[in-house]
C-alpha atoms as a PDB file:
ATOM      1  CA  UNK A   1       0.000   0.000   0.000  1.00  0.00           C
ATOM      2  CA  UNK A   2       1.376   3.409  -0.921  1.00  0.00           C
ATOM      3  CA  UNK A   3       1.739   6.155   1.625  1.00  0.00           C
ATOM      4  CA  UNK A   4      -0.655   9.024   0.739  1.00  0.00           C
ATOM      5  CA  UNK A   5       1.368  11.407   2.919  1.00  0.00           C
ATOM      6  CA  UNK A   6       4.380  10.954   0.641  1.00  0.00           C
ATOM      7  CA  UNK A   7       2.454  12.097  -2.408  1.00  0.00           C
ATOM      8  CA  UNK A   8       0.886  15.065  -0.593  1.00  0.00           C
ATOM      9  CA  UNK A   9       4.170  16.280   0.888  1.00  0.00           C
ATOM     10  CA  UNK A  10       5.859  16.112  -2.504  1.00  0.00           C
ATOM     11  CA  UNK A  11       2.867  17.775  -4.197  1.00  0.00           C
ATOM     12  CA  UNK A  12       2.852  20.676  -1.710  1.00  0.00           C
ATOM     13  CA  UNK A  13       6.599  21.134  -2.116  1.00  0.00           C
ATOM     14  CA  UNK A  14       6.426  21.192  -5.913  1.00  0.00           C
ATOM     15  CA  UNK A  15       3.367  23.472  -5.866  1.00  0.00           C
ATOM     16  CA  UNK A  16       5.321  25.911  -3.698  1.00  0.00           C
ATOM     17  CA  UNK A  17       8.208  25.832  -6.197  1.00  0.00           C
ATOM     18  CA  UNK A  18       5.661  26.658  -8.893  1.00  0.00           C
ATOM     19  CA  UNK A  19       4.399  29.586  -6.825  1.00  0.00           C
ATOM     20  CA  UNK A  20       7.958  30.885  -6.417  1.00  0.00           C
ATOM     21  CA  UNK A  21       8.483  30.837 -10.181  1.00  0.00           C
ATOM     22  CA  UNK A  22       5.109  32.487 -10.829  1.00  0.00           C
ATOM     23  CA  UNK A  23       6.080  35.237  -8.413  1.00  0.00           C
ATOM     24  CA  UNK A  24       9.409  35.555 -10.215  1.00  0.00           C
ATOM     25  CA  UNK A  25       7.574  36.212 -13.454  1.00  0.00           C
ATOM     26  CA  UNK A  26       4.800  38.427 -12.064  1.00  0.00           C
ATOM     27  CA  UNK A  27       6.723  39.954  -9.155  1.00  0.00           C
ATOM     28  CA  UNK A  28       6.788  43.448 -10.616  1.00  0.00           C
ATOM     29  CA  UNK A  29       2.980  43.500 -10.575  1.00  0.00           C
ATOM     30  CA  UNK A  30       3.100  43.082  -6.783  1.00  0.00           C
ATOM     31  CA  UNK A  31       5.565  45.935  -6.320  1.00  0.00           C
ATOM     32  CA  UNK A  32       2.877  48.599  -5.559  1.00  0.00           C
ATOM     33  CA  UNK A  33       1.793  46.543  -2.538  1.00  0.00           C
ATOM     34  CA  UNK A  34       5.228  47.060  -1.023  1.00  0.00           C
ATOM     35  CA  UNK A  35       5.374  50.845  -1.424  1.00  0.00           C
ATOM     36  CA  UNK A  36       3.497  53.773   0.076  1.00  0.00           C
ATOM     37  CA  UNK A  37       0.491  53.266   2.350  1.00  0.00           C
ATOM     38  CA  UNK A  38       0.005  49.656   1.228  1.00  0.00           C
ATOM     39  CA  UNK A  39       3.465  48.774   2.505  1.00  0.00           C
ATOM     40  CA  UNK A  40       2.132  48.741   6.069  1.00  0.00           C
ATOM     41  CA  UNK A  41      -0.134  45.826   5.123  1.00  0.00           C
ATOM     42  CA  UNK A  42       2.715  43.968   3.441  1.00  0.00           C
ATOM     43  CA  UNK A  43       4.898  44.536   6.491  1.00  0.00           C
ATOM     44  CA  UNK A  44       2.100  43.293   8.752  1.00  0.00           C
ATOM     45  CA  UNK A  45       1.712  40.138   6.660  1.00  0.00           C
ATOM     46  CA  UNK A  46       5.446  39.407   6.733  1.00  0.00           C
ATOM     47  CA  UNK A  47       5.604  40.124  10.477  1.00  0.00           C
ATOM     48  CA  UNK A  48       2.672  37.765  11.113  1.00  0.00           C
ATOM     49  CA  UNK A  49       4.377  35.033   9.088  1.00  0.00           C
ATOM     50  CA  UNK A  50       7.550  35.466  11.146  1.00  0.00           C
ATOM     51  CA  UNK A  51       5.633  35.575  14.419  1.00  0.00           C
ATOM     52  CA  UNK A  52       3.694  32.468  13.409  1.00  0.00           C
ATOM     53  CA  UNK A  53       6.939  30.590  12.817  1.00  0.00           C
ATOM     54  CA  UNK A  54       8.298  31.799  16.177  1.00  0.00           C
ATOM     55  CA  UNK A  55       5.121  30.612  17.948  1.00  0.00           C
ATOM     56  CA  UNK A  56       5.384  27.255  16.183  1.00  0.00           C
ATOM     57  CA  UNK A  57       9.010  26.944  17.355  1.00  0.00           C
ATOM     58  CA  UNK A  58       7.993  27.767  20.945  1.00  0.00           C
ATOM     59  CA  UNK A  59       5.206  25.160  20.869  1.00  0.00           C
ATOM     60  CA  UNK A  60       7.586  22.542  19.484  1.00  0.00           C
ATOM     61  CA  UNK A  61      10.166  23.331  22.163  1.00  0.00           C
ATOM     62  CA  UNK A  62       7.565  22.672  24.860  1.00  0.00           C
ATOM     63  CA  UNK A  63       6.902  19.228  23.348  1.00  0.00           C
ATOM     64  CA  UNK A  64      10.554  18.165  23.460  1.00  0.00           C
ATOM     65  CA  UNK A  65      11.676  15.750  26.179  1.00  0.00           C
ATOM     66  CA  UNK A  66      13.344  17.617  29.069  1.00  0.00           C
ATOM     67  CA  UNK A  67      16.700  15.865  28.652  1.00  0.00           C
ATOM     68  CA  UNK A  68      17.776  17.480  25.384  1.00  0.00           C
ATOM     69  CA  UNK A  69      15.565  20.524  25.447  1.00  0.00           C
ATOM     70  CA  UNK A  70      18.217  23.114  26.408  1.00  0.00           C
ATOM     71  CA  UNK A  71      20.560  22.473  23.486  1.00  0.00           C
ATOM     72  CA  UNK A  72      17.762  22.210  20.954  1.00  0.00           C
ATOM     73  CA  UNK A  73      16.172  25.387  22.328  1.00  0.00           C
ATOM     74  CA  UNK A  74      19.427  27.316  21.853  1.00  0.00           C
ATOM     75  CA  UNK A  75      19.759  25.963  18.330  1.00  0.00           C
ATOM     76  CA  UNK A  76      16.181  26.870  17.434  1.00  0.00           C
ATOM     77  CA  UNK A  77      16.599  30.355  18.900  1.00  0.00           C
ATOM     78  CA  UNK A  78      19.772  30.687  16.826  1.00  0.00           C
ATOM     79  CA  UNK A  79      17.745  29.812  13.714  1.00  0.00           C
ATOM     80  CA  UNK A  80      15.152  32.457  14.603  1.00  0.00           C
ATOM     81  CA  UNK A  81      17.906  35.016  15.251  1.00  0.00           C
ATOM     82  CA  UNK A  82      19.472  34.161  11.900  1.00  0.00           C
ATOM     83  CA  UNK A  83      16.168  34.736  10.124  1.00  0.00           C
ATOM     84  CA  UNK A  84      15.811  38.040  11.963  1.00  0.00           C
ATOM     85  CA  UNK A  85      19.279  39.128  10.832  1.00  0.00           C
ATOM     86  CA  UNK A  86      18.453  38.160   7.254  1.00  0.00           C
ATOM     87  CA  UNK A  87      15.301  40.289   7.431  1.00  0.00           C
ATOM     88  CA  UNK A  88      17.298  43.225   8.778  1.00  0.00           C
ATOM     89  CA  UNK A  89      19.910  42.775   6.030  1.00  0.00           C
ATOM     90  CA  UNK A  90      17.347  43.280   3.244  1.00  0.00           C
ATOM     91  CA  UNK A  91      17.223  46.899   2.052  1.00  0.00           C
ATOM     92  CA  UNK A  92      13.708  46.705   0.548  1.00  0.00           C
ATOM     93  CA  UNK A  93      10.501  45.404   2.062  1.00  0.00           C
ATOM     94  CA  UNK A  94       9.709  43.317  -1.009  1.00  0.00           C
ATOM     95  CA  UNK A  95      13.079  41.545  -0.613  1.00  0.00           C
ATOM     96  CA  UNK A  96      11.967  40.275   2.791  1.00  0.00           C
ATOM     97  CA  UNK A  97       9.400  38.066   1.086  1.00  0.00           C
ATOM     98  CA  UNK A  98      12.323  35.776   0.231  1.00  0.00           C
ATOM     99  CA  UNK A  99      12.504  34.747   3.881  1.00  0.00           C
ATOM    100  CA  UNK A 100       8.878  33.648   3.913  1.00  0.00           C
ATOM    101  CA  UNK A 101       8.932  32.002   0.483  1.00  0.00           C
ATOM    102  CA  UNK A 102      12.139  30.061   1.003  1.00  0.00           C
ATOM    103  CA  UNK A 103      11.590  29.369   4.696  1.00  0.00           C
ATOM    104  CA  UNK A 104       8.285  27.725   3.784  1.00  0.00           C
ATOM    105  CA  UNK A 105       9.993  25.876   0.925  1.00  0.00           C
ATOM    106  CA  UNK A 106      12.571  24.603   3.419  1.00  0.00           C
ATOM    107  CA  UNK A 107       9.841  23.228   5.693  1.00  0.00           C
ATOM    108  CA  UNK A 108       8.018  21.596   2.777  1.00  0.00           C
ATOM    109  CA  UNK A 109      11.227  20.124   1.322  1.00  0.00           C
ATOM    110  CA  UNK A 110      12.211  18.803   4.769  1.00  0.00           C
ATOM    111  CA  UNK A 111       8.829  17.071   5.068  1.00  0.00           C
ATOM    112  CA  UNK A 112       9.067  15.605   1.565  1.00  0.00           C
ATOM    113  CA  UNK A 113      12.663  14.430   2.077  1.00  0.00           C
ATOM    114  CA  UNK A 114      11.585  12.603   5.240  1.00  0.00           C
ATOM    115  CA  UNK A 115       9.860   9.974   3.124  1.00  0.00           C
ATOM    116  CA  UNK A 116      13.122   8.929   1.491  1.00  0.00           C
ATOM    117  CA  UNK A 117      15.842   9.562   4.054  1.00  0.00           C
ATOM    118  CA  UNK A 118      16.466  10.612   7.627  1.00  0.00           C
ATOM    119  CA  UNK A 119      19.042  12.368   9.761  1.00  0.00           C
ATOM    120  CA  UNK A 120      21.778  14.358   8.060  1.00  0.00           C
ATOM    121  CA  UNK A 121      20.870  13.040   4.593  1.00  0.00           C
ATOM    122  CA  UNK A 122      17.380  14.460   5.004  1.00  0.00           C
ATOM    123  CA  UNK A 123      18.685  17.870   6.091  1.00  0.00           C
ATOM    124  CA  UNK A 124      21.294  17.963   3.341  1.00  0.00           C
ATOM    125  CA  UNK A 125      18.908  16.810   0.612  1.00  0.00           C
ATOM    126  CA  UNK A 126      16.230  19.339   1.528  1.00  0.00           C
ATOM    127  CA  UNK A 127      18.792  22.136   1.852  1.00  0.00           C
ATOM    128  CA  UNK A 128      20.489  21.440  -1.463  1.00  0.00           C
ATOM    129  CA  UNK A 129      17.099  21.227  -3.193  1.00  0.00           C
ATOM    130  CA  UNK A 130      16.068  24.634  -1.804  1.00  0.00           C
ATOM    131  CA  UNK A 131      19.427  26.224  -2.653  1.00  0.00           C
ATOM    132  CA  UNK A 132      19.142  24.965  -6.237  1.00  0.00           C
ATOM    133  CA  UNK A 133      15.583  26.304  -6.533  1.00  0.00           C
ATOM    134  CA  UNK A 134      16.801  29.685  -5.251  1.00  0.00           C
ATOM    135  CA  UNK A 135      19.680  29.676  -7.724  1.00  0.00           C
ATOM    136  CA  UNK A 136      17.359  28.709 -10.595  1.00  0.00           C
ATOM    137  CA  UNK A 137      14.984  31.511  -9.575  1.00  0.00           C
ATOM    138  CA  UNK A 138      17.741  34.094  -9.780  1.00  0.00           C
ATOM    139  CA  UNK A 139      19.143  32.706 -13.053  1.00  0.00           C
ATOM    140  CA  UNK A 140      15.636  32.911 -14.538  1.00  0.00           C
ATOM    141  CA  UNK A 141      15.453  36.536 -13.391  1.00  0.00           C
ATOM    142  CA  UNK A 142      18.661  37.222 -15.308  1.00  0.00           C
ATOM    143  CA  UNK A 143      16.813  36.416 -18.543  1.00  0.00           C
ATOM    144  CA  UNK A 144      13.598  38.237 -17.609  1.00  0.00           C
ATOM    145  CA  UNK A 145      13.579  41.787 -19.075  1.00  0.00           C
ATOM    146  CA  UNK A 146      11.982  43.385 -15.986  1.00  0.00           C
ATOM    147  CA  UNK A 147      13.891  41.516 -13.282  1.00  0.00           C
ATOM    148  CA  UNK A 148      17.437  41.575 -11.941  1.00  0.00           C
ATOM    149  CA  UNK A 149      19.627  38.676 -10.894  1.00  0.00           C
ATOM    150  CA  UNK A 150      21.184  39.442  -7.507  1.00  0.00           C
ATOM    151  CA  UNK A 151      23.728  37.194  -5.809  1.00  0.00           C
ATOM    152  CA  UNK A 152      22.557  38.535  -2.446  1.00  0.00           C
ATOM    153  CA  UNK A 153      19.132  37.027  -3.207  1.00  0.00           C
ATOM    154  CA  UNK A 154      20.724  33.646  -3.972  1.00  0.00           C
ATOM    155  CA  UNK A 155      22.373  33.751  -0.541  1.00  0.00           C
ATOM    156  CA  UNK A 156      19.181  34.948   1.166  1.00  0.00           C
ATOM    157  CA  UNK A 157      17.112  32.225  -0.491  1.00  0.00           C
ATOM    158  CA  UNK A 158      19.512  29.475   0.543  1.00  0.00           C
ATOM    159  CA  UNK A 159      20.034  30.745   4.099  1.00  0.00           C
ATOM    160  CA  UNK A 160      16.296  31.216   4.692  1.00  0.00           C
ATOM    161  CA  UNK A 161      15.644  27.636   3.658  1.00  0.00           C
ATOM    162  CA  UNK A 162      18.620  26.221   5.575  1.00  0.00           C
ATOM    163  CA  UNK A 163      17.631  28.019   8.788  1.00  0.00           C
ATOM    164  CA  UNK A 164      14.041  26.743   8.561  1.00  0.00           C
ATOM    165  CA  UNK A 165      15.315  23.225   7.803  1.00  0.00           C
ATOM    166  CA  UNK A 166      17.720  23.374  10.740  1.00  0.00           C
ATOM    167  CA  UNK A 167      14.893  24.462  13.041  1.00  0.00           C
ATOM    168  CA  UNK A 168      12.772  21.546  11.806  1.00  0.00           C
ATOM    169  CA  UNK A 169      15.624  19.122  12.360  1.00  0.00           C
ATOM    170  CA  UNK A 170      16.252  20.416  15.865  1.00  0.00           C
ATOM    171  CA  UNK A 171      12.632  20.368  16.937  1.00  0.00           C
ATOM    172  CA  UNK A 172      11.756  16.802  16.014  1.00  0.00           C
ATOM    173  CA  UNK A 173      13.035  14.426  18.710  1.00  0.00           C
ATOM    174  CA  UNK A 174      15.764  11.996  17.620  1.00  0.00           C
ATOM    175  CA  UNK A 175      14.384   8.618  16.617  1.00  0.00           C
ATOM    176  CA  UNK A 176      10.902  10.050  16.154  1.00  0.00           C
ATOM    177  CA  UNK A 177       8.879   8.889  13.169  1.00  0.00           C
ATOM    178  CA  UNK A 178       7.115  12.216  13.193  1.00  0.00           C
ATOM    179  CA  UNK A 179       7.446  14.281  10.027  1.00  0.00           C
ATOM    180  CA  UNK A 180       6.361  17.698  11.301  1.00  0.00           C
END
């Protein structure tokens, strides 16, 4: 019997990659939402996404067994701090969407990779996949007449995904069959 979760996790991950590439193509159309009075709403949405991830991390920390909780908590807080520094590093509000897009891709890729491998291979596979998607996104922007390829975005994409993947890896107890 096939595992329906495997197909759904892979489908969500690939659908998210499709969304990233649609946003690459139509990203300039969203630009007015990140300027002027509308920018407050965009900032609120990005802040809520970040706060939601922080709340999820806190809830997961509470579910960890007491024995290894301290080290995993420090690691997860380091991941959150890293995402915060990446957000601060971005000069434009619209550039901060990379953290949400690629952080979510990291979570989805980590879930999908869990059906084929575990441990370090799972983390590495999901991270390399996300980094390659981020690189492909920026290379595609190089050929798009209204977009710009930026090496800083390649780094932001990869780091956002890797930090989310690291948080996922830290917050699932060792030996657990749990995927989320």
